Each structure stands twice: as C-alpha cells, then as structure tokens.
Amino acid sequence: MSCSHSVVLLNNALKIAVMKNGDLSLIQLCLDKEKRDITESVIAIYQNELNLLSDVVNLLVKRAVFHKQISSVDELTKLTTEIASYCADEFKKT
C-alpha cells in the first residue's frame, strides 16, 4: 500500500497500515480463487488506536469462532489477550 509507511499483518486475514498522516487503516485480505491473487479491501480508517483495536479483536474473534478455532470462554479470553497484547506492542513501535 503506497500511502503507508508501516504495515502489520494479523492472522493472514487483516492488515493495519499507518498512513503518512498518522491515521490507521484496517484492511481485509481476501483470496480471489479464480485469479489466485490476494485482494485488499479497506474496512475503515481510524484516528484512534483504541477504536481500531476494538474492531480488530471483534473481527478476529468472529473469524476464530466461525472456523471453530475457539470453542470455550477460556480460549476466547486467551485469544483476546493475545491479539490485544500483540497490537499494543506493534502500536508502540510506530
């Protein structure tokens, strides 16, 4: 993405890009099965890390439940903590 100077890939499903103006872009990655190419779709632009993190956790938890990667409250708690911790560490780097 040419408008960004820092990019974080999350679970091969989402990408966060820090744009030149400091805004944060949340991007969904999808596989085009016909073209065998990855397409990117901007979900939203954020000015606030907390709002971005809330949406990232929500989307990745929904994805994990759908793919039956988590099935208990303990697994949900662990996944949420891991995602939040990873994102917080990445935010500190930017």
PDB file of N, CA and C in Angstrom:
ATOM      1  N   MET A   1       0.851  -1.178   0.000  1.00  0.00           N
ATOM      2  CA  MET A   1       0.000   0.000   0.000  1.00  0.00           C
ATOM      3  C   MET A   1       0.891   1.232   0.000  1.00  0.00           C
ATOM      4  N   SER A   2       0.803   2.030  -1.002  1.00  0.00           N
ATOM      5  CA  SER A   2       1.742   3.127  -1.180  1.00  0.00           C
ATOM      6  C   SER A   2       1.542   4.273  -0.202  1.00  0.00           C
ATOM      7  N   CYS A   3       0.378   4.406   0.378  1.00  0.00           N
ATOM      8  CA  CYS A   3       0.112   5.536   1.261  1.00  0.00           C
ATOM      9  C   CYS A   3       0.564   5.275   2.695  1.00  0.00           C
ATOM     10  N   SER A   4       1.144   4.135   2.953  1.00  0.00           N
ATOM     11  CA  SER A   4       1.518   3.818   4.326  1.00  0.00           C
ATOM     12  C   SER A   4       3.021   3.692   4.473  1.00  0.00           C
ATOM     13  N   HIS A   5       3.485   3.878   5.712  1.00  0.00           N
ATOM     14  CA  HIS A   5       4.904   3.686   5.966  1.00  0.00           C
ATOM     15  C   HIS A   5       5.146   2.590   6.989  1.00  0.00           C
ATOM     16  N   SER A   6       4.109   2.002   7.530  1.00  0.00           N
ATOM     17  CA  SER A   6       4.238   0.899   8.474  1.00  0.00           C
ATOM     18  C   SER A   6       3.017  -0.007   8.331  1.00  0.00           C
ATOM     19  N   VAL A   7       3.281  -1.313   8.214  1.00  0.00           N
ATOM     20  CA  VAL A   7       2.194  -2.262   7.992  1.00  0.00           C
ATOM     21  C   VAL A   7       2.344  -3.440   8.944  1.00  0.00           C
ATOM     22  N   VAL A   8       1.211  -3.889   9.512  1.00  0.00           N
ATOM     23  CA  VAL A   8       1.189  -5.053  10.393  1.00  0.00           C
ATOM     24  C   VAL A   8       0.168  -6.038   9.840  1.00  0.00           C
ATOM     25  N   LEU A   9       0.584  -7.277   9.652  1.00  0.00           N
ATOM     26  CA  LEU A   9      -0.294  -8.338   9.179  1.00  0.00           C
ATOM     27  C   LEU A   9      -0.817  -9.111  10.383  1.00  0.00           C
ATOM     28  N   LEU A  10      -2.131  -9.336  10.420  1.00  0.00           N
ATOM     29  CA  LEU A  10      -2.763 -10.041  11.533  1.00  0.00           C
ATOM     30  C   LEU A  10      -3.475 -11.287  11.036  1.00  0.00           C
ATOM     31  N   ASN A  11      -2.950 -12.444  11.405  1.00  0.00           N
ATOM     32  CA  ASN A  11      -3.636 -13.718  11.160  1.00  0.00           C
ATOM     33  C   ASN A  11      -3.886 -14.000   9.676  1.00  0.00           C
ATOM     34  N   ASN A  12      -3.094 -13.412   8.804  1.00  0.00           N
ATOM     35  CA  ASN A  12      -3.270 -13.550   7.351  1.00  0.00           C
ATOM     36  C   ASN A  12      -4.673 -13.175   6.889  1.00  0.00           C
ATOM     37  N   ALA A  13      -5.378 -12.396   7.689  1.00  0.00           N
ATOM     38  CA  ALA A  13      -6.740 -12.004   7.346  1.00  0.00           C
ATOM     39  C   ALA A  13      -6.919 -10.494   7.339  1.00  0.00           C
ATOM     40  N   LEU A  14      -6.185  -9.814   8.204  1.00  0.00           N
ATOM     41  CA  LEU A  14      -6.303  -8.362   8.333  1.00  0.00           C
ATOM     42  C   LEU A  14      -4.927  -7.729   8.260  1.00  0.00           C
ATOM     43  N   LYS A  15      -4.925  -6.487   7.836  1.00  0.00           N
ATOM     44  CA  LYS A  15      -3.686  -5.726   7.784  1.00  0.00           C
ATOM     45  C   LYS A  15      -3.982  -4.337   8.335  1.00  0.00           C
ATOM     46  N   ILE A  16      -3.071  -3.839   9.157  1.00  0.00           N
ATOM     47  CA  ILE A  16      -3.176  -2.472   9.661  1.00  0.00           C
ATOM     48  C   ILE A  16      -2.042  -1.683   9.031  1.00  0.00           C
ATOM     49  N   ALA A  17      -2.376  -0.570   8.433  1.00  0.00           N
ATOM     50  CA  ALA A  17      -1.367   0.290   7.821  1.00  0.00           C
ATOM     51  C   ALA A  17      -1.420   1.658   8.482  1.00  0.00           C
ATOM     52  N   VAL A  18      -0.249   2.151   8.872  1.00  0.00           N
ATOM     53  CA  VAL A  18      -0.151   3.509   9.395  1.00  0.00           C
ATOM     54  C   VAL A  18       0.109   4.409   8.200  1.00  0.00           C
ATOM     55  N   MET A  19      -0.795   5.333   7.978  1.00  0.00           N
ATOM     56  CA  MET A  19      -0.702   6.192   6.813  1.00  0.00           C
ATOM     57  C   MET A  19       0.208   7.389   7.103  1.00  0.00           C
ATOM     58  N   LYS A  20       0.618   8.086   6.059  1.00  0.00           N
ATOM     59  CA  LYS A  20       1.535   9.223   6.204  1.00  0.00           C
ATOM     60  C   LYS A  20       1.002  10.288   7.150  1.00  0.00           C
ATOM     61  N   ASN A  21      -0.312  10.479   7.179  1.00  0.00           N
ATOM     62  CA  ASN A  21      -0.898  11.497   8.056  1.00  0.00           C
ATOM     63  C   ASN A  21      -1.108  10.990   9.480  1.00  0.00           C
ATOM     64  N   GLY A  22      -0.716   9.733   9.745  1.00  0.00           N
ATOM     65  CA  GLY A  22      -0.833   9.176  11.087  1.00  0.00           C
ATOM     66  C   GLY A  22      -2.096   8.379  11.335  1.00  0.00           C
ATOM     67  N   ASP A  23      -3.056   8.456  10.424  1.00  0.00           N
ATOM     68  CA  ASP A  23      -4.273   7.662  10.566  1.00  0.00           C
ATOM     69  C   ASP A  23      -3.942   6.180  10.400  1.00  0.00           C
ATOM     70  N   LEU A  24      -4.825   5.342  10.905  1.00  0.00           N
ATOM     71  CA  LEU A  24      -4.642   3.891  10.846  1.00  0.00           C
ATOM     72  C   LEU A  24      -5.698   3.294   9.927  1.00  0.00           C
ATOM     73  N   SER A  25      -5.265   2.499   8.985  1.00  0.00           N
ATOM     74  CA  SER A  25      -6.159   1.884   8.018  1.00  0.00           C
ATOM     75  C   SER A  25      -6.290   0.395   8.331  1.00  0.00           C
ATOM     76  N   LEU A  26      -7.520  -0.084   8.472  1.00  0.00           N
ATOM     77  CA  LEU A  26      -7.784  -1.507   8.686  1.00  0.00           C
ATOM     78  C   LEU A  26      -8.216  -2.104   7.352  1.00  0.00           C
ATOM     79  N   ILE A  27      -7.469  -3.116   6.914  1.00  0.00           N
ATOM     80  CA  ILE A  27      -7.659  -3.692   5.587  1.00  0.00           C
ATOM     81  C   ILE A  27      -7.937  -5.185   5.718  1.00  0.00           C
ATOM     82  N   GLN A  28      -8.941  -5.659   4.985  1.00  0.00           N
ATOM     83  CA  GLN A  28      -9.244  -7.089   4.956  1.00  0.00           C
ATOM     84  C   GLN A  28      -8.552  -7.704   3.747  1.00  0.00           C
ATOM     85  N   LEU A  29      -7.911  -8.844   3.962  1.00  0.00           N
ATOM     86  CA  LEU A  29      -7.248  -9.574   2.883  1.00  0.00           C
ATOM     87  C   LEU A  29      -8.128 -10.744   2.471  1.00  0.00           C
ATOM     88  N   CYS A  30      -8.371 -10.868   1.175  1.00  0.00           N
ATOM     89  CA  CYS A  30      -9.207 -11.953   0.662  1.00  0.00           C
ATOM     90  C   CYS A  30      -8.497 -12.630  -0.499  1.00  0.00           C
ATOM     91  N   LEU A  31      -8.665 -13.932  -0.598  1.00  0.00           N
ATOM     92  CA  LEU A  31      -8.083 -14.683  -1.702  1.00  0.00           C
ATOM     93  C   LEU A  31      -9.099 -14.778  -2.828  1.00  0.00           C
ATOM     94  N   ASP A  32      -8.713 -14.277  -3.996  1.00  0.00           N
ATOM     95  CA  ASP A  32      -9.528 -14.421  -5.196  1.00  0.00           C
ATOM     96  C   ASP A  32      -9.185 -15.787  -5.788  1.00  0.00           C
ATOM     97  N   LYS A  33     -10.096 -16.739  -5.640  1.00  0.00           N
ATOM     98  CA  LYS A  33      -9.810 -18.124  -6.032  1.00  0.00           C
ATOM     99  C   LYS A  33      -9.635 -18.282  -7.539  1.00  0.00           C
ATOM    100  N   GLU A  34     -10.343 -17.469  -8.317  1.00  0.00           N
ATOM    101  CA  GLU A  34     -10.219 -17.571  -9.769  1.00  0.00           C
ATOM    102  C   GLU A  34      -8.864 -17.057 -10.245  1.00  0.00           C
ATOM    103  N   LYS A  35      -8.470 -15.900  -9.746  1.00  0.00           N
ATOM    104  CA  LYS A  35      -7.209 -15.288 -10.174  1.00  0.00           C
ATOM    105  C   LYS A  35      -6.024 -15.760  -9.340  1.00  0.00           C
ATOM    106  N   ARG A  36      -6.314 -16.457  -8.240  1.00  0.00           N
ATOM    107  CA  ARG A  36      -5.279 -16.899  -7.298  1.00  0.00           C
ATOM    108  C   ARG A  36      -4.418 -15.720  -6.857  1.00  0.00           C
ATOM    109  N   ASP A  37      -5.124 -14.671  -6.487  1.00  0.00           N
ATOM    110  CA  ASP A  37      -4.459 -13.442  -6.079  1.00  0.00           C
ATOM    111  C   ASP A  37      -5.115 -12.938  -4.798  1.00  0.00           C
ATOM    112  N   ILE A  38      -4.364 -12.235  -3.992  1.00  0.00           N
ATOM    113  CA  ILE A  38      -4.912 -11.660  -2.763  1.00  0.00           C
ATOM    114  C   ILE A  38      -5.393 -10.249  -3.065  1.00  0.00           C
ATOM    115  N   THR A  39      -6.636  -9.990  -2.692  1.00  0.00           N
ATOM    116  CA  THR A  39      -7.189  -8.656  -2.858  1.00  0.00           C
ATOM    117  C   THR A  39      -7.293  -7.988  -1.495  1.00  0.00           C
ATOM    118  N   GLU A  40      -7.210  -6.669  -1.505  1.00  0.00           N
ATOM    119  CA  GLU A  40      -7.306  -5.894  -0.272  1.00  0.00           C
ATOM    120  C   GLU A  40      -8.526  -4.994  -0.336  1.00  0.00           C
ATOM    121  N   SER A  41      -9.227  -4.928   0.780  1.00  0.00           N
ATOM    122  CA  SER A  41     -10.403  -4.080   0.883  1.00  0.00           C
ATOM    123  C   SER A  41     -10.315  -3.293   2.185  1.00  0.00           C
ATOM    124  N   VAL A  42     -10.324  -1.970   2.084  1.00  0.00           N
ATOM    125  CA  VAL A  42     -10.246  -1.135   3.286  1.00  0.00           C
ATOM    126  C   VAL A  42     -11.572  -1.224   4.026  1.00  0.00           C
ATOM    127  N   ILE A  43     -11.493  -1.622   5.287  1.00  0.00           N
ATOM    128  CA  ILE A  43     -12.683  -1.717   6.131  1.00  0.00           C
ATOM    129  C   ILE A  43     -13.004  -0.354   6.718  1.00  0.00           C
ATOM    130  N   ALA A  44     -11.973   0.306   7.264  1.00  0.00           N
ATOM    131  CA  ALA A  44     -12.186   1.608   7.898  1.00  0.00           C
ATOM    132  C   ALA A  44     -10.850   2.310   8.102  1.00  0.00           C
ATOM    133  N   ILE A  45     -10.933   3.623   8.306  1.00  0.00           N
ATOM    134  CA  ILE A  45      -9.783   4.457   8.651  1.00  0.00           C
ATOM    135  C   ILE A  45     -10.029   4.973  10.066  1.00  0.00           C
ATOM    136  N   TYR A  46      -9.001   4.894  10.904  1.00  0.00           N
ATOM    137  CA  TYR A  46      -9.127   5.283  12.311  1.00  0.00           C
ATOM    138  C   TYR A  46      -8.120   6.367  12.664  1.00  0.00           C
ATOM    139  N   GLN A  47      -8.521   7.227  13.589  1.00  0.00           N
ATOM    140  CA  GLN A  47      -7.601   8.197  14.165  1.00  0.00           C
ATOM    141  C   GLN A  47      -7.248   7.797  15.588  1.00  0.00           C
ATOM    142  N   ASN A  48      -7.920   6.771  16.087  1.00  0.00           N
ATOM    143  CA  ASN A  48      -7.788   6.364  17.475  1.00  0.00           C
ATOM    144  C   ASN A  48      -7.414   4.881  17.544  1.00  0.00           C
ATOM    145  N   GLU A  49      -6.304   4.560  18.208  1.00  0.00           N
ATOM    146  CA  GLU A  49      -5.852   3.174  18.320  1.00  0.00           C
ATOM    147  C   GLU A  49      -6.851   2.292  19.062  1.00  0.00           C
ATOM    148  N   LEU A  50      -7.527   2.840  20.060  1.00  0.00           N
ATOM    149  CA  LEU A  50      -8.465   2.048  20.853  1.00  0.00           C
ATOM    150  C   LEU A  50      -9.650   1.572  20.014  1.00  0.00           C
ATOM    151  N   ASN A  51     -10.198   2.451  19.190  1.00  0.00           N
ATOM    152  CA  ASN A  51     -11.311   2.045  18.323  1.00  0.00           C
ATOM    153  C   ASN A  51     -10.863   0.993  17.310  1.00  0.00           C
ATOM    154  N   LEU A  52      -9.672   1.173  16.771  1.00  0.00           N
ATOM    155  CA  LEU A  52      -9.123   0.186  15.842  1.00  0.00           C
ATOM    156  C   LEU A  52      -8.947  -1.160  16.531  1.00  0.00           C
ATOM    157  N   LEU A  53      -8.352  -1.158  17.701  1.00  0.00           N
ATOM    158  CA  LEU A  53      -8.113  -2.399  18.438  1.00  0.00           C
ATOM    159  C   LEU A  53      -9.420  -3.113  18.758  1.00  0.00           C
ATOM    160  N   SER A  54     -10.434  -2.362  19.125  1.00  0.00           N
ATOM    161  CA  SER A  54     -11.740  -2.948  19.417  1.00  0.00           C
ATOM    162  C   SER A  54     -12.289  -3.687  18.197  1.00  0.00           C
ATOM    163  N   ASP A  55     -12.206  -3.062  17.032  1.00  0.00           N
ATOM    164  CA  ASP A  55     -12.706  -3.699  15.812  1.00  0.00           C
ATOM    165  C   ASP A  55     -11.849  -4.900  15.403  1.00  0.00           C
ATOM    166  N   VAL A  56     -10.526  -4.788  15.557  1.00  0.00           N
ATOM    167  CA  VAL A  56      -9.634  -5.896  15.208  1.00  0.00           C
ATOM    168  C   VAL A  56      -9.945  -7.120  16.066  1.00  0.00           C
ATOM    169  N   VAL A  57     -10.046  -6.917  17.376  1.00  0.00           N
ATOM    170  CA  VAL A  57     -10.353  -8.032  18.278  1.00  0.00           C
ATOM    171  C   VAL A  57     -11.695  -8.651  17.894  1.00  0.00           C
ATOM    172  N   ASN A  58     -12.689  -7.826  17.663  1.00  0.00           N
ATOM    173  CA  ASN A  58     -14.017  -8.314  17.297  1.00  0.00           C
ATOM    174  C   ASN A  58     -13.970  -9.149  16.013  1.00  0.00           C
ATOM    175  N   LEU A  59     -13.323  -8.639  14.981  1.00  0.00           N
ATOM    176  CA  LEU A  59     -13.269  -9.353  13.702  1.00  0.00           C
ATOM    177  C   LEU A  59     -12.497 -10.668  13.805  1.00  0.00           C
ATOM    178  N   LEU A  60     -11.367 -10.653  14.509  1.00  0.00           N
ATOM    179  CA  LEU A  60     -10.570 -11.876  14.615  1.00  0.00           C
ATOM    180  C   LEU A  60     -11.230 -12.924  15.509  1.00  0.00           C
ATOM    181  N   VAL A  61     -11.946 -12.486  16.540  1.00  0.00           N
ATOM    182  CA  VAL A  61     -12.679 -13.439  17.384  1.00  0.00           C
ATOM    183  C   VAL A  61     -13.820 -14.068  16.578  1.00  0.00           C
ATOM    184  N   LYS A  62     -14.566 -13.260  15.836  1.00  0.00           N
ATOM    185  CA  LYS A  62     -15.644 -13.806  14.999  1.00  0.00           C
ATOM    186  C   LYS A  62     -15.093 -14.814  13.995  1.00  0.00           C
ATOM    187  N   ARG A  63     -13.949 -14.490  13.410  1.00  0.00           N
ATOM    188  CA  ARG A  63     -13.315 -15.397  12.444  1.00  0.00           C
ATOM    189  C   ARG A  63     -12.913 -16.712  13.117  1.00  0.00           C
ATOM    190  N   ALA A  64     -12.339 -16.629  14.313  1.00  0.00           N
ATOM    191  CA  ALA A  64     -11.908 -17.827  15.044  1.00  0.00           C
ATOM    192  C   ALA A  64     -13.099 -18.700  15.424  1.00  0.00           C
ATOM    193  N   VAL A  65     -14.202 -18.089  15.827  1.00  0.00           N
ATOM    194  CA  VAL A  65     -15.409 -18.852  16.172  1.00  0.00           C
ATOM    195  C   VAL A  65     -15.963 -19.523  14.914  1.00  0.00           C
ATOM    196  N   PHE A  66     -16.037 -18.772  13.820  1.00  0.00           N
ATOM    197  CA  PHE A  66     -16.562 -19.314  12.563  1.00  0.00           C
ATOM    198  C   PHE A  66     -15.746 -20.517  12.094  1.00  0.00           C
ATOM    199  N   HIS A  67     -14.432 -20.430  12.210  1.00  0.00           N
ATOM    200  CA  HIS A  67     -13.550 -21.517  11.766  1.00  0.00           C
ATOM    201  C   HIS A  67     -13.326 -22.573  12.848  1.00  0.00           C
ATOM    202  N   LYS A  68     -14.097 -22.453  13.922  1.00  0.00           N
ATOM    203  CA  LYS A  68     -14.042 -23.408  15.040  1.00  0.00           C
ATOM    204  C   LYS A  68     -12.633 -23.541  15.627  1.00  0.00           C
ATOM    205  N   GLN A  69     -11.912 -22.413  15.667  1.00  0.00           N
ATOM    206  CA  GLN A  69     -10.580 -22.386  16.264  1.00  0.00           C
ATOM    207  C   GLN A  69     -10.659 -22.163  17.769  1.00  0.00           C
ATOM    208  N   ILE A  70     -11.787 -21.621  18.224  1.00  0.00           N
ATOM    209  CA  ILE A  70     -12.034 -21.481  19.660  1.00  0.00           C
ATOM    210  C   ILE A  70     -13.439 -21.985  19.950  1.00  0.00           C
ATOM    211  N   SER A  71     -13.601 -22.571  21.148  1.00  0.00           N
ATOM    212  CA  SER A  71     -14.919 -23.120  21.477  1.00  0.00           C
ATOM    213  C   SER A  71     -15.264 -22.970  22.954  1.00  0.00           C
ATOM    214  N   SER A  72     -14.456 -22.212  23.686  1.00  0.00           N
ATOM    215  CA  SER A  72     -14.752 -22.022  25.104  1.00  0.00           C
ATOM    216  C   SER A  72     -14.423 -20.589  25.513  1.00  0.00           C
ATOM    217  N   VAL A  73     -14.943 -20.202  26.652  1.00  0.00           N
ATOM    218  CA  VAL A  73     -14.683 -18.861  27.173  1.00  0.00           C
ATOM    219  C   VAL A  73     -13.197 -18.689  27.491  1.00  0.00           C
ATOM    220  N   ASP A  74     -12.564 -19.738  27.983  1.00  0.00           N
ATOM    221  CA  ASP A  74     -11.128 -19.668  28.274  1.00  0.00           C
ATOM    222  C   ASP A  74     -10.319 -19.417  27.000  1.00  0.00           C
ATOM    223  N   GLU A  75     -10.675 -20.102  25.924  1.00  0.00           N
ATOM    224  CA  GLU A  75      -9.985 -19.891  24.648  1.00  0.00           C
ATOM    225  C   GLU A  75     -10.252 -18.487  24.117  1.00  0.00           C
ATOM    226  N   LEU A  76     -11.474 -18.001  24.299  1.00  0.00           N
ATOM    227  CA  LEU A  76     -11.822 -16.640  23.894  1.00  0.00           C
ATOM    228  C   LEU A  76     -10.979 -15.624  24.657  1.00  0.00           C
ATOM    229  N   THR A  77     -10.870 -15.812  25.955  1.00  0.00           N
ATOM    230  CA  THR A  77     -10.076 -14.910  26.794  1.00  0.00           C
ATOM    231  C   THR A  77      -8.617 -14.918  26.362  1.00  0.00           C
ATOM    232  N   LYS A  78      -8.086 -16.103  26.111  1.00  0.00           N
ATOM    233  CA  LYS A  78      -6.686 -16.227  25.693  1.00  0.00           C
ATOM    234  C   LYS A  78      -6.452 -15.534  24.354  1.00  0.00           C
ATOM    235  N   LEU A  79      -7.324 -15.775  23.380  1.00  0.00           N
ATOM    236  CA  LEU A  79      -7.183 -15.166  22.062  1.00  0.00           C
ATOM    237  C   LEU A  79      -7.282 -13.648  22.140  1.00  0.00           C
ATOM    238  N   THR A  80      -8.265 -13.155  22.875  1.00  0.00           N
ATOM    239  CA  THR A  80      -8.446 -11.711  23.020  1.00  0.00           C
ATOM    240  C   THR A  80      -7.211 -11.068  23.635  1.00  0.00           C
ATOM    241  N   THR A  81      -6.668 -11.693  24.661  1.00  0.00           N
ATOM    242  CA  THR A  81      -5.467 -11.179  25.320  1.00  0.00           C
ATOM    243  C   THR A  81      -4.280 -11.179  24.362  1.00  0.00           C
ATOM    244  N   GLU A  82      -4.116 -12.261  23.606  1.00  0.00           N
ATOM    245  CA  GLU A  82      -3.005 -12.349  22.653  1.00  0.00           C
ATOM    246  C   GLU A  82      -3.104 -11.270  21.579  1.00  0.00           C
ATOM    247  N   ILE A  83      -4.290 -11.079  21.029  1.00  0.00           N
ATOM    248  CA  ILE A  83      -4.482 -10.080  19.976  1.00  0.00           C
ATOM    249  C   ILE A  83      -4.209  -8.685  20.521  1.00  0.00           C
ATOM    250  N   ALA A  84      -4.800  -8.368  21.664  1.00  0.00           N
ATOM    251  CA  ALA A  84      -4.631  -7.038  22.252  1.00  0.00           C
ATOM    252  C   ALA A  84      -3.169  -6.770  22.593  1.00  0.00           C
ATOM    253  N   SER A  85      -2.495  -7.753  23.141  1.00  0.00           N
ATOM    254  CA  SER A  85      -1.090  -7.601  23.510  1.00  0.00           C
ATOM    255  C   SER A  85      -0.215  -7.397  22.275  1.00  0.00           C
ATOM    256  N   TYR A  86      -0.442  -8.202  21.257  1.00  0.00           N
ATOM    257  CA  TYR A  86       0.335  -8.084  20.023  1.00  0.00           C
ATOM    258  C   TYR A  86       0.140  -6.709  19.390  1.00  0.00           C
ATOM    259  N   CYS A  87      -1.113  -6.275  19.285  1.00  0.00           N
ATOM    260  CA  CYS A  87      -1.400  -4.971  18.685  1.00  0.00           C
ATOM    261  C   CYS A  87      -0.794  -3.842  19.507  1.00  0.00           C
ATOM    262  N   ALA A  88      -0.896  -3.918  20.819  1.00  0.00           N
ATOM    263  CA  ALA A  88      -0.322  -2.882  21.683  1.00  0.00           C
ATOM    264  C   ALA A  88       1.188  -2.793  21.476  1.00  0.00           C
ATOM    265  N   ASP A  89       1.852  -3.936  21.376  1.00  0.00           N
ATOM    266  CA  ASP A  89       3.298  -3.943  21.126  1.00  0.00           C
ATOM    267  C   ASP A  89       3.627  -3.309  19.779  1.00  0.00           C
ATOM    268  N   GLU A  90       2.829  -3.611  18.763  1.00  0.00           N
ATOM    269  CA  GLU A  90       3.061  -3.040  17.438  1.00  0.00           C
ATOM    270  C   GLU A  90       2.804  -1.532  17.426  1.00  0.00           C
ATOM    271  N   PHE A  91       1.781  -1.075  18.163  1.00  0.00           N
ATOM    272  CA  PHE A  91       1.498   0.360  18.228  1.00  0.00           C
ATOM    273  C   PHE A  91       2.669   1.113  18.849  1.00  0.00           C
ATOM    274  N   LYS A  92       3.329   0.504  19.809  1.00  0.00           N
ATOM    275  CA  LYS A  92       4.471   1.143  20.468  1.00  0.00           C
ATOM    276  C   LYS A  92       5.643   1.327  19.509  1.00  0.00           C
ATOM    277  N   LYS A  93       5.736   0.465  18.504  1.00  0.00           N
ATOM    278  CA  LYS A  93       6.835   0.539  17.539  1.00  0.00           C
ATOM    279  C   LYS A  93       6.663   1.676  16.541  1.00  0.00           C
ATOM    280  N   THR A  94       5.416   2.088  16.308  1.00  0.00           N
ATOM    281  CA  THR A  94       5.169   3.091  15.270  1.00  0.00           C
ATOM    282  C   THR A  94       5.355   4.494  15.768  1.00  0.00           C
TER     283      THR A  94
END
